[in-house]
Amino acid sequence: LTGILTGITGLKSTPNGTSIFPMDDPALFRYPIAYLSEPGYWFPTEEDASSMRAFIQKGGFLIVDDFHFENEWAVFEAGIKRVLPGAKIVPLTTAHPIFHTFFEIESLHVPYPGGFGRQGLYGEFYGIHQDNDPEKPLSVVISYNMDLGDYMEYSGTGFYLVDPSNEAFKFMVNYLIYGHTR
């Protein structure tokens, strides 16, 4: 992903570095975008929720990815409601600008990686707008029944199909460009 970002978008990235922070770490506020993986197992403390709320309220953008099935959705929804108590989670369509910020994403019909995708599990895409106003930009984008990170992690191995792996990169590039420019 970092190679693609640097090579075709002009966004500078650190290909060999990571910045992993607890949600209540003040260093998180040095970055405009946060990525939350596996939120189906996310039980934010009050400090975590307060810090992530402040991050989002100050203009931070949250990408949520890598969870599936109703039980994981319920855990995620309880966590995000602690962060943003009045948040309205809305379904996104291909008409939303996030799907056109760099790549033109024409279909949201992308299978979950591996066996679940072969069994018919397809991604669903949601968002939370600033102030719950659909005329305002997203503060949070949610890839449910999807694992974009897994597609990217294994893209060079042949473990997953090429087409959905390529789509995963397009989604993440768009999410990152959107998060930087909204």
C-alpha atoms as a PDB file:
ATOM      1  CA  LEU A   1       0.000   0.000   0.000  1.00  0.00           C
ATOM      2  CA  THR A   2       2.761   2.456   0.860  1.00  0.00           C
ATOM      3  CA  GLY A   3       4.438   1.809  -2.494  1.00  0.00           C
ATOM      4  CA  ILE A   4       1.204   2.535  -4.335  1.00  0.00           C
ATOM      5  CA  LEU A   5       0.561   5.678  -2.300  1.00  0.00           C
ATOM      6  CA  THR A   6       4.014   7.052  -3.014  1.00  0.00           C
ATOM      7  CA  GLY A   7       4.181   5.859  -6.605  1.00  0.00           C
ATOM      8  CA  ILE A   8       0.873   6.997  -8.018  1.00  0.00           C
ATOM      9  CA  THR A   9      -0.734   9.463  -5.623  1.00  0.00           C
ATOM     10  CA  GLY A  10       2.146  11.628  -4.473  1.00  0.00           C
ATOM     11  CA  LEU A  11       1.291  11.004  -0.814  1.00  0.00           C
ATOM     12  CA  LYS A  12       4.485  10.426   1.107  1.00  0.00           C
ATOM     13  CA  SER A  13       4.497   7.325   3.244  1.00  0.00           C
ATOM     14  CA  THR A  14       6.965   5.356   5.299  1.00  0.00           C
ATOM     15  CA  PRO A  15       7.218   1.929   3.670  1.00  0.00           C
ATOM     16  CA  ASN A  16       9.093   0.247   6.500  1.00  0.00           C
ATOM     17  CA  GLY A  17       7.633   2.028   9.479  1.00  0.00           C
ATOM     18  CA  THR A  18       4.513   1.711  11.524  1.00  0.00           C
ATOM     19  CA  SER A  19       2.724   3.951  13.942  1.00  0.00           C
ATOM     20  CA  ILE A  20       0.614   1.812  16.234  1.00  0.00           C
ATOM     21  CA  PHE A  21      -0.863   3.652  19.190  1.00  0.00           C
ATOM     22  CA  PRO A  22      -3.334   2.894  21.929  1.00  0.00           C
ATOM     23  CA  MET A  23      -6.428   5.012  21.421  1.00  0.00           C
ATOM     24  CA  ASP A  24      -5.657   7.125  24.455  1.00  0.00           C
ATOM     25  CA  ASP A  25      -2.078   7.921  23.359  1.00  0.00           C
ATOM     26  CA  PRO A  26      -1.671  11.664  22.661  1.00  0.00           C
ATOM     27  CA  ALA A  27       0.661  10.773  19.754  1.00  0.00           C
ATOM     28  CA  LEU A  28      -2.418   9.671  17.781  1.00  0.00           C
ATOM     29  CA  PHE A  29      -3.300  13.352  17.348  1.00  0.00           C
ATOM     30  CA  ARG A  30      -0.203  13.851  15.168  1.00  0.00           C
ATOM     31  CA  TYR A  31      -1.928  11.898  12.399  1.00  0.00           C
ATOM     32  CA  PRO A  32      -5.056  12.754  10.394  1.00  0.00           C
ATOM     33  CA  ILE A  33      -6.171   9.142   9.904  1.00  0.00           C
ATOM     34  CA  ALA A  34      -6.543   6.134  12.199  1.00  0.00           C
ATOM     35  CA  TYR A  35      -7.173   2.539  11.131  1.00  0.00           C
ATOM     36  CA  LEU A  36      -9.139   0.245  13.440  1.00  0.00           C
ATOM     37  CA  SER A  37      -8.823  -3.431  12.571  1.00  0.00           C
ATOM     38  CA  GLU A  38     -10.967  -6.249  13.988  1.00  0.00           C
ATOM     39  CA  PRO A  39     -13.515  -4.046  15.767  1.00  0.00           C
ATOM     40  CA  GLY A  40     -15.637  -7.125  16.404  1.00  0.00           C
ATOM     41  CA  TYR A  41     -13.344  -7.617  19.403  1.00  0.00           C
ATOM     42  CA  TRP A  42     -13.167  -3.951  20.419  1.00  0.00           C
ATOM     43  CA  PHE A  43     -14.145  -2.994  23.934  1.00  0.00           C
ATOM     44  CA  PRO A  44     -12.957   0.587  24.375  1.00  0.00           C
ATOM     45  CA  THR A  45     -12.404   1.852  27.881  1.00  0.00           C
ATOM     46  CA  GLU A  46     -13.876   5.223  28.800  1.00  0.00           C
ATOM     47  CA  GLU A  47     -10.404   6.738  28.253  1.00  0.00           C
ATOM     48  CA  ASP A  48     -10.148   5.086  24.817  1.00  0.00           C
ATOM     49  CA  ALA A  49     -13.627   6.295  23.855  1.00  0.00           C
ATOM     50  CA  SER A  50     -12.972   9.820  25.078  1.00  0.00           C
ATOM     51  CA  SER A  51      -9.671  10.040  23.218  1.00  0.00           C
ATOM     52  CA  MET A  52     -11.077   8.658  19.951  1.00  0.00           C
ATOM     53  CA  ARG A  53     -14.056  11.022  20.251  1.00  0.00           C
ATOM     54  CA  ALA A  54     -11.653  13.966  20.635  1.00  0.00           C
ATOM     55  CA  PHE A  55      -9.594  12.705  17.671  1.00  0.00           C
ATOM     56  CA  ILE A  56     -12.689  12.576  15.443  1.00  0.00           C
ATOM     57  CA  GLN A  57     -14.091  15.880  16.722  1.00  0.00           C
ATOM     58  CA  LYS A  58     -10.795  17.590  15.917  1.00  0.00           C
ATOM     59  CA  GLY A  59     -11.061  16.397  12.320  1.00  0.00           C
ATOM     60  CA  GLY A  60      -9.485  12.949  12.515  1.00  0.00           C
ATOM     61  CA  PHE A  61     -10.750  10.303  10.093  1.00  0.00           C
ATOM     62  CA  LEU A  62     -11.320   6.717  11.242  1.00  0.00           C
ATOM     63  CA  ILE A  63     -11.158   3.717   8.898  1.00  0.00           C
ATOM     64  CA  VAL A  64     -12.818   0.593  10.330  1.00  0.00           C
ATOM     65  CA  ASP A  65     -12.074  -2.759   8.675  1.00  0.00           C
ATOM     66  CA  ASP A  66     -11.861  -6.510   9.163  1.00  0.00           C
ATOM     67  CA  PHE A  67     -14.989  -7.800  10.805  1.00  0.00           C
ATOM     68  CA  HIS A  68     -17.961  -9.875   9.842  1.00  0.00           C
ATOM     69  CA  PHE A  69     -21.147 -11.497  11.084  1.00  0.00           C
ATOM     70  CA  GLU A  70     -23.795 -10.048  13.352  1.00  0.00           C
ATOM     71  CA  ASN A  71     -22.047 -10.771  16.650  1.00  0.00           C
ATOM     72  CA  GLU A  72     -18.966  -8.779  15.583  1.00  0.00           C
ATOM     73  CA  TRP A  73     -21.182  -5.970  14.279  1.00  0.00           C
ATOM     74  CA  ALA A  74     -22.914  -5.799  17.677  1.00  0.00           C
ATOM     75  CA  VAL A  75     -19.563  -5.479  19.487  1.00  0.00           C
ATOM     76  CA  PHE A  76     -18.378  -2.815  17.034  1.00  0.00           C
ATOM     77  CA  GLU A  77     -21.630  -0.874  17.264  1.00  0.00           C
ATOM     78  CA  ALA A  78     -21.481  -0.847  21.072  1.00  0.00           C
ATOM     79  CA  GLY A  79     -17.877   0.414  20.887  1.00  0.00           C
ATOM     80  CA  ILE A  80     -18.521   3.157  18.340  1.00  0.00           C
ATOM     81  CA  LYS A  81     -21.597   4.294  20.323  1.00  0.00           C
ATOM     82  CA  ARG A  82     -19.293   4.762  23.329  1.00  0.00           C
ATOM     83  CA  VAL A  83     -17.043   6.901  21.127  1.00  0.00           C
ATOM     84  CA  LEU A  84     -19.826   8.786  19.317  1.00  0.00           C
ATOM     85  CA  PRO A  85     -22.999   8.294  21.402  1.00  0.00           C
ATOM     86  CA  GLY A  86     -25.401   9.892  18.925  1.00  0.00           C
ATOM     87  CA  ALA A  87     -23.753   8.562  15.779  1.00  0.00           C
ATOM     88  CA  LYS A  88     -25.916   7.433  12.888  1.00  0.00           C
ATOM     89  CA  ILE A  89     -24.317   4.662  10.869  1.00  0.00           C
ATOM     90  CA  VAL A  90     -25.550   4.931   7.293  1.00  0.00           C
ATOM     91  CA  PRO A  91     -25.056   2.646   4.289  1.00  0.00           C
ATOM     92  CA  LEU A  92     -22.855   4.031   1.546  1.00  0.00           C
ATOM     93  CA  THR A  93     -23.450   3.629  -2.172  1.00  0.00           C
ATOM     94  CA  THR A  94     -21.087   4.060  -5.086  1.00  0.00           C
ATOM     95  CA  ALA A  95     -22.444   7.604  -5.434  1.00  0.00           C
ATOM     96  CA  HIS A  96     -20.577   8.687  -2.299  1.00  0.00           C
ATOM     97  CA  PRO A  97     -17.487  10.841  -3.042  1.00  0.00           C
ATOM     98  CA  ILE A  98     -15.216   8.516  -1.053  1.00  0.00           C
ATOM     99  CA  PHE A  99     -15.479   6.036  -3.904  1.00  0.00           C
ATOM    100  CA  HIS A 100     -14.293   8.625  -6.428  1.00  0.00           C
ATOM    101  CA  THR A 101     -11.454  10.458  -4.660  1.00  0.00           C
ATOM    102  CA  PHE A 102      -8.693   8.796  -6.694  1.00  0.00           C
ATOM    103  CA  PHE A 103      -9.928   5.578  -8.239  1.00  0.00           C
ATOM    104  CA  GLU A 104     -13.403   5.268  -9.704  1.00  0.00           C
ATOM    105  CA  ILE A 105     -14.969   2.448  -7.710  1.00  0.00           C
ATOM    106  CA  GLU A 106     -18.009   1.409  -9.675  1.00  0.00           C
ATOM    107  CA  SER A 107     -19.116  -1.582  -7.619  1.00  0.00           C
ATOM    108  CA  LEU A 108     -19.188  -2.383  -3.936  1.00  0.00           C
ATOM    109  CA  HIS A 109     -19.763  -6.040  -4.732  1.00  0.00           C
ATOM    110  CA  VAL A 110     -16.467  -7.403  -3.360  1.00  0.00           C
ATOM    111  CA  PRO A 111     -16.274 -10.819  -1.686  1.00  0.00           C
ATOM    112  CA  TYR A 112     -14.856 -11.310   1.774  1.00  0.00           C
ATOM    113  CA  PRO A 113     -11.375 -12.857   1.420  1.00  0.00           C
ATOM    114  CA  GLY A 114     -11.064 -16.636   1.306  1.00  0.00           C
ATOM    115  CA  GLY A 115     -13.660 -19.216   2.197  1.00  0.00           C
ATOM    116  CA  PHE A 116     -16.349 -16.855   3.471  1.00  0.00           C
ATOM    117  CA  GLY A 117     -16.265 -14.982   0.175  1.00  0.00           C
ATOM    118  CA  ARG A 118     -16.495 -18.236  -1.779  1.00  0.00           C
ATOM    119  CA  GLN A 119     -19.559 -19.043   0.338  1.00  0.00           C
ATOM    120  CA  GLY A 120     -21.210 -15.761  -0.707  1.00  0.00           C
ATOM    121  CA  LEU A 121     -20.206 -13.242   1.967  1.00  0.00           C
ATOM    122  CA  TYR A 122     -19.786  -9.821   0.356  1.00  0.00           C
ATOM    123  CA  GLY A 123     -18.628  -6.528   1.796  1.00  0.00           C
ATOM    124  CA  GLU A 124     -20.971  -3.840   3.027  1.00  0.00           C
ATOM    125  CA  PHE A 125     -19.852  -0.244   3.353  1.00  0.00           C
ATOM    126  CA  TYR A 126     -21.095   2.262   5.898  1.00  0.00           C
ATOM    127  CA  GLY A 127     -20.178   5.652   7.226  1.00  0.00           C
ATOM    128  CA  ILE A 128     -20.730   8.171   9.953  1.00  0.00           C
ATOM    129  CA  HIS A 129     -20.941  11.785   8.775  1.00  0.00           C
ATOM    130  CA  GLN A 130     -19.733  14.757  10.741  1.00  0.00           C
ATOM    131  CA  ASP A 131     -22.567  15.912  13.008  1.00  0.00           C
ATOM    132  CA  ASN A 132     -24.722  13.147  11.460  1.00  0.00           C
ATOM    133  CA  ASP A 133     -25.270  15.482   8.523  1.00  0.00           C
ATOM    134  CA  PRO A 134     -25.156  13.645   5.173  1.00  0.00           C
ATOM    135  CA  GLU A 135     -24.195  16.925   3.504  1.00  0.00           C
ATOM    136  CA  LYS A 136     -20.970  16.958   5.529  1.00  0.00           C
ATOM    137  CA  PRO A 137     -17.938  14.706   4.998  1.00  0.00           C
ATOM    138  CA  LEU A 138     -17.555  11.336   6.625  1.00  0.00           C
ATOM    139  CA  SER A 139     -15.752  11.099   9.950  1.00  0.00           C
ATOM    140  CA  VAL A 140     -15.756   7.299   9.901  1.00  0.00           C
ATOM    141  CA  VAL A 141     -15.812   4.792   7.045  1.00  0.00           C
ATOM    142  CA  ILE A 142     -16.724   1.198   7.836  1.00  0.00           C
ATOM    143  CA  SER A 143     -15.905  -1.869   5.745  1.00  0.00           C
ATOM    144  CA  TYR A 144     -18.137  -4.600   7.190  1.00  0.00           C
ATOM    145  CA  ASN A 145     -18.138  -8.221   6.076  1.00  0.00           C
ATOM    146  CA  MET A 146     -14.811  -7.268   4.562  1.00  0.00           C
ATOM    147  CA  ASP A 147     -11.108  -7.455   5.309  1.00  0.00           C
ATOM    148  CA  LEU A 148      -9.351  -5.023   2.986  1.00  0.00           C
ATOM    149  CA  GLY A 149      -6.207  -5.337   5.087  1.00  0.00           C
ATOM    150  CA  ASP A 150      -6.029  -9.090   4.532  1.00  0.00           C
ATOM    151  CA  TYR A 151      -6.365  -8.689   0.779  1.00  0.00           C
ATOM    152  CA  MET A 152      -3.474  -6.229   0.779  1.00  0.00           C
ATOM    153  CA  GLU A 153      -1.326  -8.238   3.183  1.00  0.00           C
ATOM    154  CA  TYR A 154      -1.459 -11.332   0.997  1.00  0.00           C
ATOM    155  CA  SER A 155      -1.633  -9.640  -2.405  1.00  0.00           C
ATOM    156  CA  GLY A 156       1.804 -10.798  -3.508  1.00  0.00           C
ATOM    157  CA  THR A 157       1.310 -14.423  -2.508  1.00  0.00           C
ATOM    158  CA  GLY A 158      -1.493 -15.572  -4.808  1.00  0.00           C
ATOM    159  CA  PHE A 159      -3.456 -16.575  -1.710  1.00  0.00           C
ATOM    160  CA  TYR A 160      -6.494 -14.536  -2.796  1.00  0.00           C
ATOM    161  CA  LEU A 161      -7.922 -13.744  -6.211  1.00  0.00           C
ATOM    162  CA  VAL A 162      -6.298 -10.875  -8.096  1.00  0.00           C
ATOM    163  CA  ASP A 163      -9.418  -8.833  -8.914  1.00  0.00           C
ATOM    164  CA  PRO A 164     -10.731  -8.424  -5.347  1.00  0.00           C
ATOM    165  CA  SER A 165      -7.172  -7.843  -4.110  1.00  0.00           C
ATOM    166  CA  ASN A 166      -6.820  -5.003  -6.598  1.00  0.00           C
ATOM    167  CA  GLU A 167     -10.167  -3.596  -5.479  1.00  0.00           C
ATOM    168  CA  ALA A 168      -9.006  -3.649  -1.851  1.00  0.00           C
ATOM    169  CA  PHE A 169      -6.062  -1.436  -2.772  1.00  0.00           C
ATOM    170  CA  LYS A 170      -8.399   0.943  -4.590  1.00  0.00           C
ATOM    171  CA  PHE A 171     -10.681   1.197  -1.568  1.00  0.00           C
ATOM    172  CA  MET A 172      -7.787   1.897   0.799  1.00  0.00           C
ATOM    173  CA  VAL A 173      -6.167   4.467  -1.506  1.00  0.00           C
ATOM    174  CA  ASN A 174      -9.514   6.235  -1.811  1.00  0.00           C
ATOM    175  CA  TYR A 175     -10.078   6.086   1.957  1.00  0.00           C
ATOM    176  CA  LEU A 176      -6.650   7.592   2.604  1.00  0.00           C
ATOM    177  CA  ILE A 177      -6.966  10.327  -0.032  1.00  0.00           C
ATOM    178  CA  TYR A 178     -10.452  11.154   1.254  1.00  0.00           C
ATOM    179  CA  GLY A 179      -9.195  11.270   4.840  1.00  0.00           C
ATOM    180  CA  HIS A 180      -6.439  13.680   3.861  1.00  0.00           C
ATOM    181  CA  THR A 181      -8.563  15.976   1.704  1.00  0.00           C
ATOM    182  CA  ARG A 182     -12.022  16.202   3.241  1.00  0.00           C
END
